[in-house]
Amino acid sequence: MENDGDNYSAQRSHKFLENLNRYYTFCTASGKMGEDVLKEASFDNVEIIYNAPEHSNKEDTVNFVREADKKCDIILFAGGDGTAVDILNANPHIPVLGIPSGMKMYSSIFAMNPEEAASLLDDFDRGKAIVVESIVEDADEEKMIRGELIIKTRGKLKSIGSADQYHNPKIVTQEWAEDSISEFITDTMDSSYYLIGTGSTCKSIMDRLGIKTSIFSVDLIRNGKILKSNYYPQDLDEYIKEDAGLKIIVSPYAGSGFFLGRGNRQIDERAVRRAGKGNIIVVSSEQKLSSIRGLAFDVDGIDHSFFGKYMKVIVGYERFKMIPLL
């Protein structure tokens, strides 16, 4: 099933389907909730078990999941934490696996990317995957409006995992000391354009520059001044001159290790390639790094050959650590 009206979810669903190595019978909802993507991908063995309206809502998700729970072995969905919470409210008894496609993805119900989701499903079909208990989490939206990041545990669902694939919830810890990181970054900034990512570590840099912004936005600055708050991919050509340098500052999620593609999806392939690996600046406290096995990214069009095996992470003033990429 797919989120209604979300082109990104459709793209991620297609990538998932393209990577399947086994043949399946899909039970789905009509139209944009799943049928359209499966037909576009030339899957013929598709059964419509729920007739969805043109513009579906959370009630349609709950109703579909209850039908799927009676007929299927596993529920697959493309979306974010909001969809995961809707599925939780339907109380399914079979495993659930998320194809990561949302802006908020704190829950451990998601695979790392569509390719891993396909691999997990194939393992599940071969009897090589294990059923695990996954936490469904979501950010408090009222708090988000006020610039606070409060993650609430909504409940647990069965999911699937493999021994050789990392599948762990995002760990939310206390605020970390970030002064030395932000001081080092601001002291070494040059005349390049800077895309500053989401999260408290990145926003401590903005605070030191005296720029007020949301903890959830990607912002474009140059020479200590903001050029575009709440940056999106279409802003690249309008705001960034072709002959000028671009640097990207991001921080990994605690627990999952994602430094690109989760919470900062606005930073797309074009921006990453324009900056180049040497200008992707990762910042993190050592405490946060202790919660992850390595760094991960999920940017369409960027593969592991771009970054290599390790990334340098700034952990303090003139202090660095080399962290492996998953």
Protein backbone atom coordinates (compact mmCIF):
# COMPACT_ATOMS: atom_id res chain seq x y z
CA MET A 1 0.00 0.00 0.00
CA GLU A 2 1.14 3.52 -0.76
CA ASN A 3 0.37 6.94 0.64
CA ASP A 4 -2.26 8.78 -1.40
CA GLY A 5 -0.92 11.57 -3.62
CA ASP A 6 2.74 11.13 -2.73
CA ASN A 7 4.89 10.93 -5.88
CA TYR A 8 7.96 10.20 -3.80
CA SER A 9 6.23 7.20 -2.24
CA ALA A 10 5.40 5.95 -5.73
CA GLN A 11 9.04 6.32 -6.83
CA ARG A 12 10.27 4.43 -3.78
CA SER A 13 7.66 1.72 -4.31
CA HIS A 14 8.85 1.26 -7.90
CA LYS A 15 12.46 0.92 -6.71
CA PHE A 16 11.34 -1.68 -4.16
CA LEU A 17 9.45 -3.68 -6.81
CA GLU A 18 12.36 -3.50 -9.26
CA ASN A 19 14.65 -5.16 -6.71
CA LEU A 20 12.45 -8.14 -5.87
CA ASN A 21 14.00 -11.47 -6.91
CA ARG A 22 10.95 -13.63 -6.29
CA TYR A 23 7.39 -13.76 -7.57
CA TYR A 24 4.54 -12.72 -5.30
CA THR A 25 0.79 -12.38 -5.24
CA PHE A 26 -0.08 -8.88 -4.07
CA CYS A 27 -3.30 -8.00 -2.26
CA THR A 28 -3.73 -4.25 -2.46
CA ALA A 29 -6.10 -1.32 -2.36
CA SER A 30 -7.39 0.26 -5.53
CA GLY A 31 -5.94 3.27 -7.29
CA LYS A 32 -3.20 5.34 -5.68
CA MET A 33 -3.17 3.21 -2.52
CA GLY A 34 -1.30 0.47 -4.36
CA GLU A 35 -3.00 -0.79 -7.52
CA ASP A 36 -1.57 1.91 -9.81
CA VAL A 37 2.06 1.33 -8.83
CA LEU A 38 1.78 -2.44 -9.19
CA LYS A 39 0.22 -2.17 -12.65
CA GLU A 40 2.83 0.38 -13.77
CA ALA A 41 5.50 -2.10 -12.67
CA SER A 42 3.79 -4.81 -14.77
CA PHE A 43 2.79 -7.04 -11.86
CA ASP A 44 -0.15 -9.13 -13.05
CA ASN A 45 -0.96 -11.27 -10.04
CA VAL A 46 -2.74 -8.51 -8.11
CA GLU A 47 -5.94 -8.83 -6.10
CA ILE A 48 -7.90 -5.73 -5.05
CA ILE A 49 -9.15 -6.33 -1.52
CA TYR A 50 -10.18 -2.77 -0.68
CA ASN A 51 -11.78 -0.11 -2.87
CA ALA A 52 -10.20 3.20 -1.91
CA PRO A 53 -11.56 6.66 -2.78
CA GLU A 54 -9.52 8.92 -5.06
CA HIS A 55 -8.24 10.83 -2.04
CA SER A 56 -7.66 8.28 0.72
CA ASN A 57 -7.18 9.07 4.40
CA LYS A 58 -6.11 7.33 7.61
CA GLU A 59 -9.46 5.54 7.90
CA ASP A 60 -8.83 3.92 4.53
CA THR A 61 -5.41 2.79 5.75
CA VAL A 62 -6.97 1.20 8.85
CA ASN A 63 -9.72 -0.48 6.81
CA PHE A 64 -7.27 -1.85 4.26
CA VAL A 65 -4.91 -3.20 6.93
CA ARG A 66 -7.78 -5.04 8.62
CA GLU A 67 -8.63 -6.72 5.33
CA ALA A 68 -4.99 -7.53 4.59
CA ASP A 69 -4.57 -9.01 8.06
CA LYS A 70 -7.11 -11.70 7.11
CA LYS A 71 -5.55 -12.70 3.78
CA CYS A 72 -1.85 -11.85 3.65
CA ASP A 73 1.44 -13.03 5.15
CA ILE A 74 2.94 -9.56 5.51
CA ILE A 75 1.90 -5.93 5.10
CA LEU A 76 4.14 -3.62 3.07
CA PHE A 77 3.71 0.14 2.99
CA ALA A 78 5.51 3.18 1.58
CA GLY A 79 5.34 6.24 3.79
CA GLY A 80 6.54 7.62 7.10
CA ASP A 81 5.76 7.48 10.81
CA GLY A 82 2.23 8.84 10.32
CA THR A 83 1.30 5.88 8.15
CA ALA A 84 2.98 3.51 10.62
CA VAL A 85 0.80 4.92 13.42
CA ASP A 86 -2.33 4.44 11.27
CA ILE A 87 -1.35 0.81 10.69
CA LEU A 88 -0.70 0.37 14.42
CA ASN A 89 -4.25 1.60 15.09
CA ALA A 90 -5.58 -1.25 12.92
CA ASN A 91 -3.84 -3.75 15.25
CA PRO A 92 -2.60 -6.25 12.62
CA HIS A 93 -1.38 -9.68 13.74
CA ILE A 94 0.96 -10.26 10.77
CA PRO A 95 4.38 -8.60 10.28
CA VAL A 96 4.61 -5.09 8.81
CA LEU A 97 7.56 -3.68 6.84
CA GLY A 98 7.96 -0.04 5.83
CA ILE A 99 9.56 1.15 2.59
CA PRO A 100 11.05 4.47 3.81
CA SER A 101 9.29 7.29 1.95
CA GLY A 102 8.26 9.88 4.52
CA MET A 103 9.67 13.05 6.03
CA LYS A 104 9.53 11.61 9.57
CA MET A 105 10.89 8.09 10.06
CA TYR A 106 11.85 7.46 13.67
CA SER A 107 10.17 4.03 13.89
CA SER A 108 12.16 0.81 13.57
CA ILE A 109 9.48 -0.61 11.28
CA PHE A 110 11.35 0.77 8.24
CA ALA A 111 14.02 -0.93 6.16
CA MET A 112 17.11 1.18 5.51
CA ASN A 113 16.04 1.76 1.87
CA PRO A 114 13.79 0.19 -0.82
CA GLU A 115 16.54 -2.23 -1.87
CA GLU A 116 16.90 -3.60 1.66
CA ALA A 117 13.11 -3.86 1.95
CA ALA A 118 13.08 -6.04 -1.18
CA SER A 119 15.91 -8.19 0.17
CA LEU A 120 14.12 -8.63 3.50
CA LEU A 121 10.91 -9.68 1.78
CA ASP A 122 12.78 -12.21 -0.36
CA ASP A 123 14.46 -13.58 2.77
CA PHE A 124 11.08 -13.77 4.49
CA ASP A 125 9.63 -15.73 1.57
CA ARG A 126 12.58 -18.16 1.69
CA GLY A 127 12.16 -18.64 5.42
CA LYS A 128 15.48 -16.94 6.15
CA ALA A 129 14.15 -13.80 7.84
CA ILE A 130 13.21 -13.57 11.49
CA VAL A 131 10.10 -11.95 12.95
CA VAL A 132 11.09 -9.10 15.24
CA GLU A 133 9.25 -6.66 17.48
CA SER A 134 9.51 -3.11 16.15
CA ILE A 135 8.74 0.15 17.90
CA VAL A 136 6.39 2.65 16.25
CA GLU A 137 7.42 6.18 17.15
CA ASP A 138 6.26 9.59 15.99
CA ALA A 139 7.18 13.20 16.62
CA ASP A 140 4.75 15.40 18.54
CA GLU A 141 3.55 17.73 15.76
CA GLU A 142 2.36 20.45 18.13
CA LYS A 143 5.82 20.54 19.67
CA MET A 144 7.41 20.53 16.19
CA ILE A 145 5.54 23.72 15.29
CA ARG A 146 7.24 25.35 18.26
CA GLY A 147 10.63 23.98 17.17
CA GLU A 148 10.88 21.18 19.74
CA LEU A 149 11.70 17.57 18.87
CA ILE A 150 9.74 15.27 21.18
CA ILE A 151 9.52 11.64 20.07
CA LYS A 152 6.69 9.55 21.47
CA THR A 153 6.47 5.77 21.41
CA ARG A 154 3.07 4.86 20.00
CA GLY A 155 3.29 1.09 20.31
CA LYS A 156 4.84 -2.04 18.82
CA LEU A 157 4.27 -4.07 15.67
CA LYS A 158 5.69 -7.31 14.36
CA SER A 159 8.19 -6.80 11.55
CA ILE A 160 10.94 -8.78 9.84
CA GLY A 161 14.71 -8.66 10.01
CA SER A 162 17.82 -10.57 9.00
CA ALA A 163 20.85 -11.31 11.13
CA ASP A 164 23.17 -9.57 8.66
CA GLN A 165 21.03 -6.45 8.23
CA TYR A 166 20.83 -3.66 10.76
CA HIS A 167 17.24 -3.01 11.84
CA ASN A 168 17.14 -0.97 15.01
CA PRO A 169 14.98 1.85 16.38
CA LYS A 170 16.26 5.40 16.48
CA ILE A 171 17.58 6.10 19.95
CA VAL A 172 16.56 9.47 21.37
CA THR A 173 18.88 10.74 24.06
CA GLN A 174 19.42 13.98 25.96
CA GLU A 175 20.78 17.13 24.36
CA TRP A 176 24.52 17.00 23.70
CA ALA A 177 27.15 19.63 24.22
CA GLU A 178 27.53 21.19 20.75
CA ASP A 179 29.38 24.45 21.42
CA SER A 180 32.80 23.21 20.36
CA ILE A 181 31.46 21.79 17.08
CA SER A 182 29.58 24.96 16.13
CA GLU A 183 32.57 27.11 17.11
CA PHE A 184 34.91 25.10 14.88
CA ILE A 185 32.49 25.22 11.93
CA THR A 186 31.90 28.98 12.13
CA ASP A 187 35.61 29.68 12.61
CA THR A 188 36.48 27.75 9.43
CA MET A 189 33.65 28.89 7.14
CA ASP A 190 34.70 30.47 3.84
CA SER A 191 32.79 32.25 1.04
CA SER A 192 31.10 29.05 -0.17
CA TYR A 193 27.37 28.51 -0.06
CA TYR A 194 26.38 26.29 2.87
CA LEU A 195 23.36 24.04 3.13
CA ILE A 196 22.77 23.50 6.85
CA GLY A 197 20.78 20.36 7.67
CA THR A 198 18.20 19.55 10.29
CA GLY A 199 18.64 18.68 13.95
CA SER A 200 19.98 20.37 17.05
CA THR A 201 23.67 19.94 16.20
CA CYS A 202 23.29 21.68 12.86
CA LYS A 203 21.05 24.37 14.31
CA SER A 204 23.64 25.16 17.00
CA ILE A 205 25.74 26.47 14.08
CA MET A 206 22.89 28.74 13.01
CA ASP A 207 22.47 29.92 16.61
CA ARG A 208 26.15 30.84 16.80
CA LEU A 209 25.72 32.89 13.61
CA GLY A 210 22.72 34.63 15.18
CA ILE A 211 20.26 33.14 12.69
CA LYS A 212 16.95 31.88 14.02
CA THR A 213 15.38 28.99 12.11
CA SER A 214 13.40 25.80 12.60
CA ILE A 215 15.18 22.68 13.81
CA PHE A 216 13.38 20.81 11.00
CA SER A 217 14.35 22.99 8.02
CA VAL A 218 17.30 22.83 5.65
CA ASP A 219 18.71 26.35 5.27
CA LEU A 220 21.00 27.98 2.70
CA ILE A 221 23.49 30.54 3.97
CA ARG A 222 26.52 32.44 2.67
CA ASN A 223 28.92 34.80 4.43
CA GLY A 224 27.02 34.37 7.67
CA LYS A 225 23.68 35.46 6.21
CA ILE A 226 20.65 33.38 5.36
CA LEU A 227 19.68 33.27 1.68
CA LYS A 228 16.84 30.75 1.77
CA SER A 229 15.15 29.28 4.81
CA ASN A 230 13.34 25.98 4.31
CA TYR A 231 15.40 25.12 1.22
CA TYR A 232 14.06 22.64 -1.35
CA PRO A 233 15.77 21.04 -4.39
CA GLN A 234 14.18 23.48 -6.86
CA ASP A 235 15.96 26.34 -5.08
CA LEU A 236 19.42 25.19 -6.15
CA ASP A 237 19.44 26.87 -9.58
CA GLU A 238 17.81 30.07 -8.32
CA TYR A 239 20.00 30.74 -5.31
CA ILE A 240 23.37 29.07 -5.91
CA LYS A 241 25.64 30.46 -8.62
CA GLU A 242 27.26 27.87 -10.87
CA ASP A 243 30.79 29.17 -10.36
CA ALA A 244 30.57 29.21 -6.56
CA GLY A 245 31.44 26.45 -4.12
CA LEU A 246 28.79 24.54 -2.19
CA LYS A 247 29.23 22.78 1.15
CA ILE A 248 26.67 20.67 2.98
CA ILE A 249 26.62 20.30 6.76
CA VAL A 250 24.58 17.42 8.17
CA SER A 251 24.36 15.35 11.34
CA PRO A 252 23.46 11.64 11.63
CA TYR A 253 20.35 10.36 13.37
CA ALA A 254 21.12 8.69 16.68
CA GLY A 255 20.51 4.95 16.51
CA SER A 256 20.11 4.61 12.74
CA GLY A 257 23.17 6.56 11.60
CA PHE A 258 21.49 8.20 8.58
CA PHE A 259 23.21 11.48 7.70
CA LEU A 260 21.44 12.01 4.36
CA GLY A 261 17.96 11.00 3.26
CA ARG A 262 16.19 10.92 6.62
CA GLY A 263 14.87 14.22 7.93
CA ASN A 264 16.82 16.17 5.29
CA ARG A 265 15.37 14.74 2.08
CA GLN A 266 15.49 18.26 0.62
CA ILE A 267 19.20 17.63 0.00
CA ASP A 268 18.98 15.62 -3.20
CA GLU A 269 21.40 14.03 -5.67
CA ARG A 270 22.07 17.27 -7.55
CA ALA A 271 23.13 19.11 -4.40
CA VAL A 272 25.26 16.19 -3.19
CA ARG A 273 27.08 15.88 -6.53
CA ARG A 274 27.45 19.66 -6.84
CA ALA A 275 29.17 19.78 -3.46
CA GLY A 276 31.23 16.60 -3.88
CA LYS A 277 32.22 14.15 -1.16
CA GLY A 278 34.95 16.42 0.19
CA ASN A 279 32.42 19.14 0.92
CA ILE A 280 29.88 16.95 2.72
CA ILE A 281 30.60 17.90 6.34
CA VAL A 282 29.23 15.51 8.97
CA VAL A 283 29.03 16.78 12.56
CA SER A 284 28.11 14.78 15.66
CA SER A 285 28.78 14.47 19.36
CA GLU A 286 30.73 11.38 20.39
CA GLN A 287 27.77 10.36 22.53
CA LYS A 288 25.55 10.21 19.47
CA LEU A 289 28.17 8.24 17.56
CA SER A 290 28.25 5.68 20.37
CA SER A 291 24.60 4.86 19.57
CA ILE A 292 25.26 3.85 15.94
CA ARG A 293 27.07 1.02 14.17
CA GLY A 294 28.09 3.26 11.28
CA LEU A 295 26.87 5.95 8.93
CA ALA A 296 24.12 5.41 6.37
CA PHE A 297 22.55 7.44 3.56
CA ASP A 298 19.50 7.08 1.35
CA VAL A 299 19.65 9.48 -1.60
CA ASP A 300 18.24 8.41 -4.96
CA GLY A 301 21.03 8.40 -7.57
CA ILE A 302 23.89 8.19 -5.03
CA ASP A 303 25.52 4.83 -4.31
CA HIS A 304 28.36 3.70 -2.06
CA SER A 305 31.00 4.35 -4.72
CA PHE A 306 30.42 8.09 -4.21
CA PHE A 307 31.33 8.13 -0.50
CA GLY A 308 33.63 5.13 -0.20
CA LYS A 309 34.07 3.14 3.01
CA TYR A 310 34.54 5.88 5.62
CA MET A 311 33.41 9.43 6.41
CA LYS A 312 35.19 11.96 8.57
CA VAL A 313 32.94 13.23 11.37
CA ILE A 314 33.66 16.42 13.29
CA VAL A 315 33.15 15.70 17.01
CA GLY A 316 34.66 18.86 18.53
CA TYR A 317 37.02 21.75 17.87
CA GLU A 318 39.66 20.35 15.49
CA ARG A 319 38.64 16.85 16.60
CA PHE A 320 37.57 14.19 14.10
CA LYS A 321 36.64 10.53 13.91
CA MET A 322 36.59 8.23 10.88
CA ILE A 323 33.29 6.33 10.86
CA PRO A 324 32.50 3.38 8.52
CA LEU A 325 29.59 3.54 6.08
CA LEU A 326 27.02 0.78 6.38
